[in-house]
Each structure stands twice: as C-alpha cells, then as structure tokens.
Amino acid sequence: MTPECIDSTINSCRNELVEEAYVQTEAAIRAASNVECDKNNRLMDDLLSYVKRQIQAGKLKTLTVRTAKASPGTWPAVAPVRQCTGVC
C-alpha cells in the first residue's frame, strides 16, 4: 500500500466510507505517512506469509473473514470477498 494506492482506493470506494466503529474517515486515511504504509505492508506480509505456511502444512483449509457490519443478531457475519477496483 502506498499513498498513491490509498488515493486510488478512496476514489474507487468512497461510498463505503461510512460512519462505523472501525471505519476511518477519508481525512484520517489520507493522513497516513509513508512510514505507516511501510509498517502496514510489513504486517500484512507477515500475516499472509503465516497463512501461506499454514495452508502448505495442511493446518488451514479455509479462511473466513468476519465483519462487525451485520444486521442485529447475525454477527459475526461472513464478509464477501470482493475485488478491489483500485490500481494498486
């Protein structure tokens, strides 16, 4: 993730920036520095590397992503996997 990628993602998905407990505002997202982007990229690389090792070792067959955005009484809900329309 780079500042350019953040900009592209915001422009493509602005309608999803709604006031929710875990959704940052556009201004907060745009305020991310290169240092924060680098830190987040390392964290994501570590996470994906771990998942890959678990899959290769046969310890993980599926990965479910859960979201807090669901109708009352249905949390946790399985979030659909969507293709990012940004140019990252």
PDB file of N, CA and C in Angstrom:
ATOM      1  N   MET A   1       0.849  -1.167   0.000  1.00  0.00           N
ATOM      2  CA  MET A   1       0.000   0.000   0.000  1.00  0.00           C
ATOM      3  C   MET A   1       0.894   1.229   0.000  1.00  0.00           C
ATOM      4  N   THR A   2       0.610   2.109  -0.889  1.00  0.00           N
ATOM      5  CA  THR A   2       1.348   3.365  -0.996  1.00  0.00           C
ATOM      6  C   THR A   2       0.344   4.515  -0.891  1.00  0.00           C
ATOM      7  N   PRO A   3       0.823   5.732  -0.660  1.00  0.00           N
ATOM      8  CA  PRO A   3      -0.114   6.862  -0.659  1.00  0.00           C
ATOM      9  C   PRO A   3      -0.908   6.965  -1.963  1.00  0.00           C
ATOM     10  N   GLU A   4      -0.285   6.636  -3.083  1.00  0.00           N
ATOM     11  CA  GLU A   4      -0.987   6.665  -4.369  1.00  0.00           C
ATOM     12  C   GLU A   4      -2.088   5.613  -4.419  1.00  0.00           C
ATOM     13  N   CYS A   5      -1.792   4.441  -3.887  1.00  0.00           N
ATOM     14  CA  CYS A   5      -2.771   3.358  -3.851  1.00  0.00           C
ATOM     15  C   CYS A   5      -3.930   3.724  -2.922  1.00  0.00           C
ATOM     16  N   ILE A   6      -3.607   4.352  -1.806  1.00  0.00           N
ATOM     17  CA  ILE A   6      -4.651   4.801  -0.885  1.00  0.00           C
ATOM     18  C   ILE A   6      -5.579   5.772  -1.596  1.00  0.00           C
ATOM     19  N   ASP A   7      -5.004   6.714  -2.313  1.00  0.00           N
ATOM     20  CA  ASP A   7      -5.788   7.700  -3.053  1.00  0.00           C
ATOM     21  C   ASP A   7      -6.699   7.010  -4.070  1.00  0.00           C
ATOM     22  N   SER A   8      -6.153   6.067  -4.801  1.00  0.00           N
ATOM     23  CA  SER A   8      -6.933   5.348  -5.811  1.00  0.00           C
ATOM     24  C   SER A   8      -8.066   4.554  -5.170  1.00  0.00           C
ATOM     25  N   THR A   9      -7.775   3.897  -4.067  1.00  0.00           N
ATOM     26  CA  THR A   9      -8.790   3.100  -3.382  1.00  0.00           C
ATOM     27  C   THR A   9      -9.912   3.987  -2.850  1.00  0.00           C
ATOM     28  N   ILE A  10      -9.540   5.109  -2.247  1.00  0.00           N
ATOM     29  CA  ILE A  10     -10.559   6.038  -1.745  1.00  0.00           C
ATOM     30  C   ILE A  10     -11.434   6.520  -2.890  1.00  0.00           C
ATOM     31  N   ASN A  11     -10.819   6.889  -3.997  1.00  0.00           N
ATOM     32  CA  ASN A  11     -11.588   7.379  -5.137  1.00  0.00           C
ATOM     33  C   ASN A  11     -12.527   6.306  -5.693  1.00  0.00           C
ATOM     34  N   SER A  12     -12.111   5.053  -5.630  1.00  0.00           N
ATOM     35  CA  SER A  12     -12.927   3.959  -6.162  1.00  0.00           C
ATOM     36  C   SER A  12     -13.997   3.480  -5.188  1.00  0.00           C
ATOM     37  N   CYS A  13     -13.755   3.667  -3.889  1.00  0.00           N
ATOM     38  CA  CYS A  13     -14.637   3.074  -2.873  1.00  0.00           C
ATOM     39  C   CYS A  13     -15.161   4.100  -1.878  1.00  0.00           C
ATOM     40  N   ARG A  14     -15.203   5.354  -2.261  1.00  0.00           N
ATOM     41  CA  ARG A  14     -15.613   6.426  -1.345  1.00  0.00           C
ATOM     42  C   ARG A  14     -16.980   6.146  -0.713  1.00  0.00           C
ATOM     43  N   ASN A  15     -17.893   5.525  -1.440  1.00  0.00           N
ATOM     44  CA  ASN A  15     -19.234   5.258  -0.915  1.00  0.00           C
ATOM     45  C   ASN A  15     -19.219   4.278   0.258  1.00  0.00           C
ATOM     46  N   GLU A  16     -18.103   3.572   0.458  1.00  0.00           N
ATOM     47  CA  GLU A  16     -18.016   2.617   1.566  1.00  0.00           C
ATOM     48  C   GLU A  16     -17.453   3.242   2.836  1.00  0.00           C
ATOM     49  N   LEU A  17     -17.051   4.502   2.777  1.00  0.00           N
ATOM     50  CA  LEU A  17     -16.524   5.195   3.951  1.00  0.00           C
ATOM     51  C   LEU A  17     -17.693   5.767   4.749  1.00  0.00           C
ATOM     52  N   VAL A  18     -18.317   4.912   5.510  1.00  0.00           N
ATOM     53  CA  VAL A  18     -19.483   5.288   6.301  1.00  0.00           C
ATOM     54  C   VAL A  18     -19.094   5.389   7.773  1.00  0.00           C
ATOM     55  N   GLU A  19     -19.867   6.107   8.539  1.00  0.00           N
ATOM     56  CA  GLU A  19     -19.582   6.238   9.968  1.00  0.00           C
ATOM     57  C   GLU A  19     -19.904   4.934  10.665  1.00  0.00           C
ATOM     58  N   GLU A  20     -18.873   4.198  10.990  1.00  0.00           N
ATOM     59  CA  GLU A  20     -18.969   2.917  11.686  1.00  0.00           C
ATOM     60  C   GLU A  20     -17.845   2.878  12.714  1.00  0.00           C
ATOM     61  N   ALA A  21     -17.939   1.976  13.644  1.00  0.00           N
ATOM     62  CA  ALA A  21     -16.957   1.896  14.724  1.00  0.00           C
ATOM     63  C   ALA A  21     -15.535   1.695  14.228  1.00  0.00           C
ATOM     64  N   TYR A  22     -15.329   0.918  13.185  1.00  0.00           N
ATOM     65  CA  TYR A  22     -13.981   0.572  12.745  1.00  0.00           C
ATOM     66  C   TYR A  22     -13.645   1.104  11.353  1.00  0.00           C
ATOM     67  N   VAL A  23     -14.360   2.117  10.906  1.00  0.00           N
ATOM     68  CA  VAL A  23     -14.107   2.706   9.593  1.00  0.00           C
ATOM     69  C   VAL A  23     -13.535   4.100   9.796  1.00  0.00           C
ATOM     70  N   GLN A  24     -12.326   4.304   9.290  1.00  0.00           N
ATOM     71  CA  GLN A  24     -11.696   5.610   9.409  1.00  0.00           C
ATOM     72  C   GLN A  24     -12.315   6.589   8.426  1.00  0.00           C
ATOM     73  N   THR A  25     -12.187   7.879   8.742  1.00  0.00           N
ATOM     74  CA  THR A  25     -12.653   8.908   7.823  1.00  0.00           C
ATOM     75  C   THR A  25     -11.660   9.026   6.672  1.00  0.00           C
ATOM     76  N   GLU A  26     -12.119   9.636   5.595  1.00  0.00           N
ATOM     77  CA  GLU A  26     -11.230   9.853   4.451  1.00  0.00           C
ATOM     78  C   GLU A  26     -10.004  10.664   4.869  1.00  0.00           C
ATOM     79  N   ALA A  27     -10.215  11.693   5.683  1.00  0.00           N
ATOM     80  CA  ALA A  27      -9.095  12.536   6.126  1.00  0.00           C
ATOM     81  C   ALA A  27      -8.082  11.731   6.934  1.00  0.00           C
ATOM     82  N   ALA A  28      -8.557  10.864   7.809  1.00  0.00           N
ATOM     83  CA  ALA A  28      -7.650  10.045   8.616  1.00  0.00           C
ATOM     84  C   ALA A  28      -6.861   9.073   7.750  1.00  0.00           C
ATOM     85  N   ILE A  29      -7.523   8.499   6.760  1.00  0.00           N
ATOM     86  CA  ILE A  29      -6.841   7.566   5.861  1.00  0.00           C
ATOM     87  C   ILE A  29      -5.784   8.298   5.036  1.00  0.00           C
ATOM     88  N   ARG A  30      -6.145   9.461   4.522  1.00  0.00           N
ATOM     89  CA  ARG A  30      -5.208  10.231   3.695  1.00  0.00           C
ATOM     90  C   ARG A  30      -4.016  10.744   4.499  1.00  0.00           C
ATOM     91  N   ALA A  31      -4.163  10.855   5.814  1.00  0.00           N
ATOM     92  CA  ALA A  31      -3.085  11.359   6.663  1.00  0.00           C
ATOM     93  C   ALA A  31      -1.990  10.313   6.896  1.00  0.00           C
ATOM     94  N   ALA A  32      -2.185   9.100   6.426  1.00  0.00           N
ATOM     95  CA  ALA A  32      -1.185   8.040   6.616  1.00  0.00           C
ATOM     96  C   ALA A  32       0.126   8.432   5.944  1.00  0.00           C
ATOM     97  N   SER A  33       1.196   8.276   6.683  1.00  0.00           N
ATOM     98  CA  SER A  33       2.516   8.610   6.142  1.00  0.00           C
ATOM     99  C   SER A  33       3.131   7.394   5.470  1.00  0.00           C
ATOM    100  N   ASN A  34       4.235   7.624   4.765  1.00  0.00           N
ATOM    101  CA  ASN A  34       4.967   6.511   4.143  1.00  0.00           C
ATOM    102  C   ASN A  34       5.440   5.523   5.197  1.00  0.00           C
ATOM    103  N   VAL A  35       5.815   6.021   6.381  1.00  0.00           N
ATOM    104  CA  VAL A  35       6.264   5.139   7.463  1.00  0.00           C
ATOM    105  C   VAL A  35       5.124   4.223   7.892  1.00  0.00           C
ATOM    106  N   GLU A  36       3.916   4.784   8.024  1.00  0.00           N
ATOM    107  CA  GLU A  36       2.766   3.964   8.390  1.00  0.00           C
ATOM    108  C   GLU A  36       2.433   2.951   7.299  1.00  0.00           C
ATOM    109  N   CYS A  37       2.534   3.374   6.052  1.00  0.00           N
ATOM    110  CA  CYS A  37       2.290   2.442   4.939  1.00  0.00           C
ATOM    111  C   CYS A  37       3.303   1.303   4.966  1.00  0.00           C
ATOM    112  N   ASP A  38       4.578   1.620   5.180  1.00  0.00           N
ATOM    113  CA  ASP A  38       5.610   0.583   5.250  1.00  0.00           C
ATOM    114  C   ASP A  38       5.347  -0.379   6.401  1.00  0.00           C
ATOM    115  N   LYS A  39       4.968   0.165   7.543  1.00  0.00           N
ATOM    116  CA  LYS A  39       4.669  -0.666   8.709  1.00  0.00           C
ATOM    117  C   LYS A  39       3.492  -1.596   8.413  1.00  0.00           C
ATOM    118  N   ASN A  40       2.441  -1.058   7.818  1.00  0.00           N
ATOM    119  CA  ASN A  40       1.273  -1.875   7.486  1.00  0.00           C
ATOM    120  C   ASN A  40       1.603  -2.923   6.428  1.00  0.00           C
ATOM    121  N   ASN A  41       2.439  -2.579   5.457  1.00  0.00           N
ATOM    122  CA  ASN A  41       2.846  -3.545   4.431  1.00  0.00           C
ATOM    123  C   ASN A  41       3.624  -4.704   5.042  1.00  0.00           C
ATOM    124  N   ARG A  42       4.512  -4.408   5.986  1.00  0.00           N
ATOM    125  CA  ARG A  42       5.263  -5.484   6.668  1.00  0.00           C
ATOM    126  C   ARG A  42       4.322  -6.377   7.465  1.00  0.00           C
ATOM    127  N   LEU A  43       3.364  -5.762   8.168  1.00  0.00           N
ATOM    128  CA  LEU A  43       2.398  -6.534   8.949  1.00  0.00           C
ATOM    129  C   LEU A  43       1.566  -7.442   8.049  1.00  0.00           C
ATOM    130  N   MET A  44       1.083  -6.916   6.923  1.00  0.00           N
ATOM    131  CA  MET A  44       0.278  -7.721   6.003  1.00  0.00           C
ATOM    132  C   MET A  44       1.113  -8.842   5.389  1.00  0.00           C
ATOM    133  N   ASP A  45       2.377  -8.557   5.060  1.00  0.00           N
ATOM    134  CA  ASP A  45       3.260  -9.582   4.521  1.00  0.00           C
ATOM    135  C   ASP A  45       3.462 -10.699   5.546  1.00  0.00           C
ATOM    136  N   ASP A  46       3.663 -10.326   6.806  1.00  0.00           N
ATOM    137  CA  ASP A  46       3.819 -11.338   7.869  1.00  0.00           C
ATOM    138  C   ASP A  46       2.561 -12.188   7.998  1.00  0.00           C
ATOM    139  N   LEU A  47       1.396 -11.543   7.979  1.00  0.00           N
ATOM    140  CA  LEU A  47       0.137 -12.266   8.117  1.00  0.00           C
ATOM    141  C   LEU A  47      -0.080 -13.226   6.948  1.00  0.00           C
ATOM    142  N   LEU A  48       0.109 -12.733   5.724  1.00  0.00           N
ATOM    143  CA  LEU A  48      -0.108 -13.588   4.553  1.00  0.00           C
ATOM    144  C   LEU A  48       0.918 -14.714   4.474  1.00  0.00           C
ATOM    145  N   SER A  49       2.147 -14.448   4.893  1.00  0.00           N
ATOM    146  CA  SER A  49       3.168 -15.496   4.921  1.00  0.00           C
ATOM    147  C   SER A  49       2.781 -16.581   5.918  1.00  0.00           C
ATOM    148  N   TYR A  50       2.256 -16.178   7.073  1.00  0.00           N
ATOM    149  CA  TYR A  50       1.801 -17.136   8.078  1.00  0.00           C
ATOM    150  C   TYR A  50       0.663 -17.996   7.525  1.00  0.00           C
ATOM    151  N   VAL A  51      -0.317 -17.359   6.908  1.00  0.00           N
ATOM    152  CA  VAL A  51      -1.449 -18.095   6.341  1.00  0.00           C
ATOM    153  C   VAL A  51      -0.959 -19.068   5.275  1.00  0.00           C
ATOM    154  N   LYS A  52      -0.044 -18.627   4.428  1.00  0.00           N
ATOM    155  CA  LYS A  52       0.502 -19.492   3.381  1.00  0.00           C
ATOM    156  C   LYS A  52       1.195 -20.707   3.989  1.00  0.00           C
ATOM    157  N   ARG A  53       1.993 -20.491   5.033  1.00  0.00           N
ATOM    158  CA  ARG A  53       2.677 -21.624   5.694  1.00  0.00           C
ATOM    159  C   ARG A  53       1.676 -22.592   6.301  1.00  0.00           C
ATOM    160  N   GLN A  54       0.604 -22.066   6.893  1.00  0.00           N
ATOM    161  CA  GLN A  54      -0.412 -22.928   7.495  1.00  0.00           C
ATOM    162  C   GLN A  54      -1.132 -23.743   6.439  1.00  0.00           C
ATOM    163  N   ILE A  55      -1.405 -23.148   5.293  1.00  0.00           N
ATOM    164  CA  ILE A  55      -2.053 -23.870   4.194  1.00  0.00           C
ATOM    165  C   ILE A  55      -1.117 -24.953   3.659  1.00  0.00           C
ATOM    166  N   GLN A  56       0.145 -24.599   3.455  1.00  0.00           N
ATOM    167  CA  GLN A  56       1.119 -25.564   2.934  1.00  0.00           C
ATOM    168  C   GLN A  56       1.330 -26.725   3.897  1.00  0.00           C
ATOM    169  N   ALA A  57       1.208 -26.477   5.195  1.00  0.00           N
ATOM    170  CA  ALA A  57       1.387 -27.527   6.192  1.00  0.00           C
ATOM    171  C   ALA A  57       0.110 -28.337   6.405  1.00  0.00           C
ATOM    172  N   GLY A  58      -0.959 -27.976   5.706  1.00  0.00           N
ATOM    173  CA  GLY A  58      -2.216 -28.700   5.845  1.00  0.00           C
ATOM    174  C   GLY A  58      -2.981 -28.357   7.113  1.00  0.00           C
ATOM    175  N   LYS A  59      -2.584 -27.303   7.784  1.00  0.00           N
ATOM    176  CA  LYS A  59      -3.229 -26.916   9.040  1.00  0.00           C
ATOM    177  C   LYS A  59      -4.387 -25.949   8.834  1.00  0.00           C
ATOM    178  N   LEU A  60      -4.507 -25.424   7.640  1.00  0.00           N
ATOM    179  CA  LEU A  60      -5.553 -24.456   7.348  1.00  0.00           C
ATOM    180  C   LEU A  60      -6.101 -24.758   5.970  1.00  0.00           C
ATOM    181  N   LYS A  61      -7.402 -25.017   5.904  1.00  0.00           N
ATOM    182  CA  LYS A  61      -8.017 -25.345   4.621  1.00  0.00           C
ATOM    183  C   LYS A  61      -8.865 -24.198   4.105  1.00  0.00           C
ATOM    184  N   THR A  62      -9.470 -23.448   5.002  1.00  0.00           N
ATOM    185  CA  THR A  62     -10.287 -22.304   4.596  1.00  0.00           C
ATOM    186  C   THR A  62      -9.969 -21.130   5.501  1.00  0.00           C
ATOM    187  N   LEU A  63     -10.248 -19.966   5.018  1.00  0.00           N
ATOM    188  CA  LEU A  63     -10.046 -18.746   5.788  1.00  0.00           C
ATOM    189  C   LEU A  63     -11.327 -17.939   5.700  1.00  0.00           C
ATOM    190  N   THR A  64     -11.935 -17.685   6.843  1.00  0.00           N
ATOM    191  CA  THR A  64     -13.175 -16.931   6.900  1.00  0.00           C
ATOM    192  C   THR A  64     -12.879 -15.538   7.424  1.00  0.00           C
ATOM    193  N   VAL A  65     -13.344 -14.549   6.713  1.00  0.00           N
ATOM    194  CA  VAL A  65     -13.202 -13.164   7.141  1.00  0.00           C
ATOM    195  C   VAL A  65     -14.515 -12.755   7.770  1.00  0.00           C
ATOM    196  N   ARG A  66     -14.428 -12.228   8.971  1.00  0.00           N
ATOM    197  CA  ARG A  66     -15.647 -11.818   9.658  1.00  0.00           C
ATOM    198  C   ARG A  66     -15.696 -10.305   9.763  1.00  0.00           C
ATOM    199  N   THR A  67     -16.896  -9.784   9.750  1.00  0.00           N
ATOM    200  CA  THR A  67     -17.080  -8.337   9.824  1.00  0.00           C
ATOM    201  C   THR A  67     -18.095  -8.009  10.905  1.00  0.00           C
ATOM    202  N   ALA A  68     -17.908  -6.865  11.543  1.00  0.00           N
ATOM    203  CA  ALA A  68     -18.863  -6.434  12.559  1.00  0.00           C
ATOM    204  C   ALA A  68     -20.076  -5.759  11.936  1.00  0.00           C
ATOM    205  N   LYS A  69     -20.021  -5.481  10.640  1.00  0.00           N
ATOM    206  CA  LYS A  69     -21.145  -4.815   9.977  1.00  0.00           C
ATOM    207  C   LYS A  69     -22.151  -5.872   9.540  1.00  0.00           C
ATOM    208  N   ALA A  70     -23.145  -6.066  10.358  1.00  0.00           N
ATOM    209  CA  ALA A  70     -24.164  -7.067  10.062  1.00  0.00           C
ATOM    210  C   ALA A  70     -25.458  -6.638  10.736  1.00  0.00           C
ATOM    211  N   SER A  71     -26.530  -7.238  10.336  1.00  0.00           N
ATOM    212  CA  SER A  71     -27.812  -6.944  10.959  1.00  0.00           C
ATOM    213  C   SER A  71     -27.793  -7.423  12.405  1.00  0.00           C
ATOM    214  N   PRO A  72     -28.546  -6.778  13.277  1.00  0.00           N
ATOM    215  CA  PRO A  72     -28.598  -7.220  14.675  1.00  0.00           C
ATOM    216  C   PRO A  72     -28.952  -8.697  14.763  1.00  0.00           C
ATOM    217  N   GLY A  73     -28.227  -9.392  15.599  1.00  0.00           N
ATOM    218  CA  GLY A  73     -28.488 -10.810  15.807  1.00  0.00           C
ATOM    219  C   GLY A  73     -27.785 -11.721  14.820  1.00  0.00           C
ATOM    220  N   THR A  74     -27.061 -11.160  13.847  1.00  0.00           N
ATOM    221  CA  THR A  74     -26.404 -12.010  12.861  1.00  0.00           C
ATOM    222  C   THR A  74     -24.887 -11.958  12.967  1.00  0.00           C
ATOM    223  N   TRP A  75     -24.355 -11.139  13.863  1.00  0.00           N
ATOM    224  CA  TRP A  75     -22.897 -11.046  13.989  1.00  0.00           C
ATOM    225  C   TRP A  75     -22.376 -12.286  14.659  1.00  0.00           C
ATOM    226  N   PRO A  76     -21.258 -12.869  14.300  1.00  0.00           N
ATOM    227  CA  PRO A  76     -20.402 -12.409  13.213  1.00  0.00           C
ATOM    228  C   PRO A  76     -20.915 -12.885  11.858  1.00  0.00           C
ATOM    229  N   ALA A  77     -20.779 -12.053  10.897  1.00  0.00           N
ATOM    230  CA  ALA A  77     -21.219 -12.388   9.543  1.00  0.00           C
ATOM    231  C   ALA A  77     -20.006 -12.636   8.674  1.00  0.00           C
ATOM    232  N   VAL A  78     -20.137 -13.487   7.719  1.00  0.00           N
ATOM    233  CA  VAL A  78     -19.038 -13.744   6.790  1.00  0.00           C
ATOM    234  C   VAL A  78     -19.079 -12.659   5.722  1.00  0.00           C
ATOM    235  N   ALA A  79     -17.971 -11.953   5.601  1.00  0.00           N
ATOM    236  CA  ALA A  79     -17.889 -10.867   4.623  1.00  0.00           C
ATOM    237  C   ALA A  79     -17.600 -11.438   3.250  1.00  0.00           C
ATOM    238  N   PRO A  80     -18.284 -10.962   2.234  1.00  0.00           N
ATOM    239  CA  PRO A  80     -17.977 -11.440   0.889  1.00  0.00           C
ATOM    240  C   PRO A  80     -16.605 -10.940   0.452  1.00  0.00           C
ATOM    241  N   VAL A  81     -15.913 -11.745  -0.294  1.00  0.00           N
ATOM    242  CA  VAL A  81     -14.616 -11.338  -0.819  1.00  0.00           C
ATOM    243  C   VAL A  81     -14.881 -10.586  -2.102  1.00  0.00           C
ATOM    244  N   ARG A  82     -14.334  -9.372  -2.187  1.00  0.00           N
ATOM    245  CA  ARG A  82     -14.564  -8.542  -3.361  1.00  0.00           C
ATOM    246  C   ARG A  82     -13.251  -8.147  -3.982  1.00  0.00           C
ATOM    247  N   GLN A  83     -13.283  -7.911  -5.250  1.00  0.00           N
ATOM    248  CA  GLN A  83     -12.107  -7.460  -5.983  1.00  0.00           C
ATOM    249  C   GLN A  83     -11.973  -5.964  -5.803  1.00  0.00           C
ATOM    250  N   CYS A  84     -10.793  -5.514  -5.388  1.00  0.00           N
ATOM    251  CA  CYS A  84     -10.536  -4.079  -5.268  1.00  0.00           C
ATOM    252  C   CYS A  84     -10.489  -3.487  -6.667  1.00  0.00           C
ATOM    253  N   THR A  85     -11.130  -2.353  -6.817  1.00  0.00           N
ATOM    254  CA  THR A  85     -11.122  -1.703  -8.135  1.00  0.00           C
ATOM    255  C   THR A  85     -10.040  -0.644  -8.234  1.00  0.00           C
ATOM    256  N   GLY A  86      -9.211  -0.499  -7.186  1.00  0.00           N
ATOM    257  CA  GLY A  86      -8.109   0.452  -7.228  1.00  0.00           C
ATOM    258  C   GLY A  86      -7.011  -0.056  -8.161  1.00  0.00           C
ATOM    259  N   VAL A  87      -6.005   0.752  -8.367  1.00  0.00           N
ATOM    260  CA  VAL A  87      -4.933   0.377  -9.276  1.00  0.00           C
ATOM    261  C   VAL A  87      -3.668  -0.004  -8.507  1.00  0.00           C
ATOM    262  N   CYS A  88      -3.840  -0.618  -7.368  1.00  0.00           N
ATOM    263  CA  CYS A  88      -2.704  -0.992  -6.519  1.00  0.00           C
ATOM    264  C   CYS A  88      -2.022  -2.237  -7.044  1.00  0.00           C
TER     265      CYS A  88
END
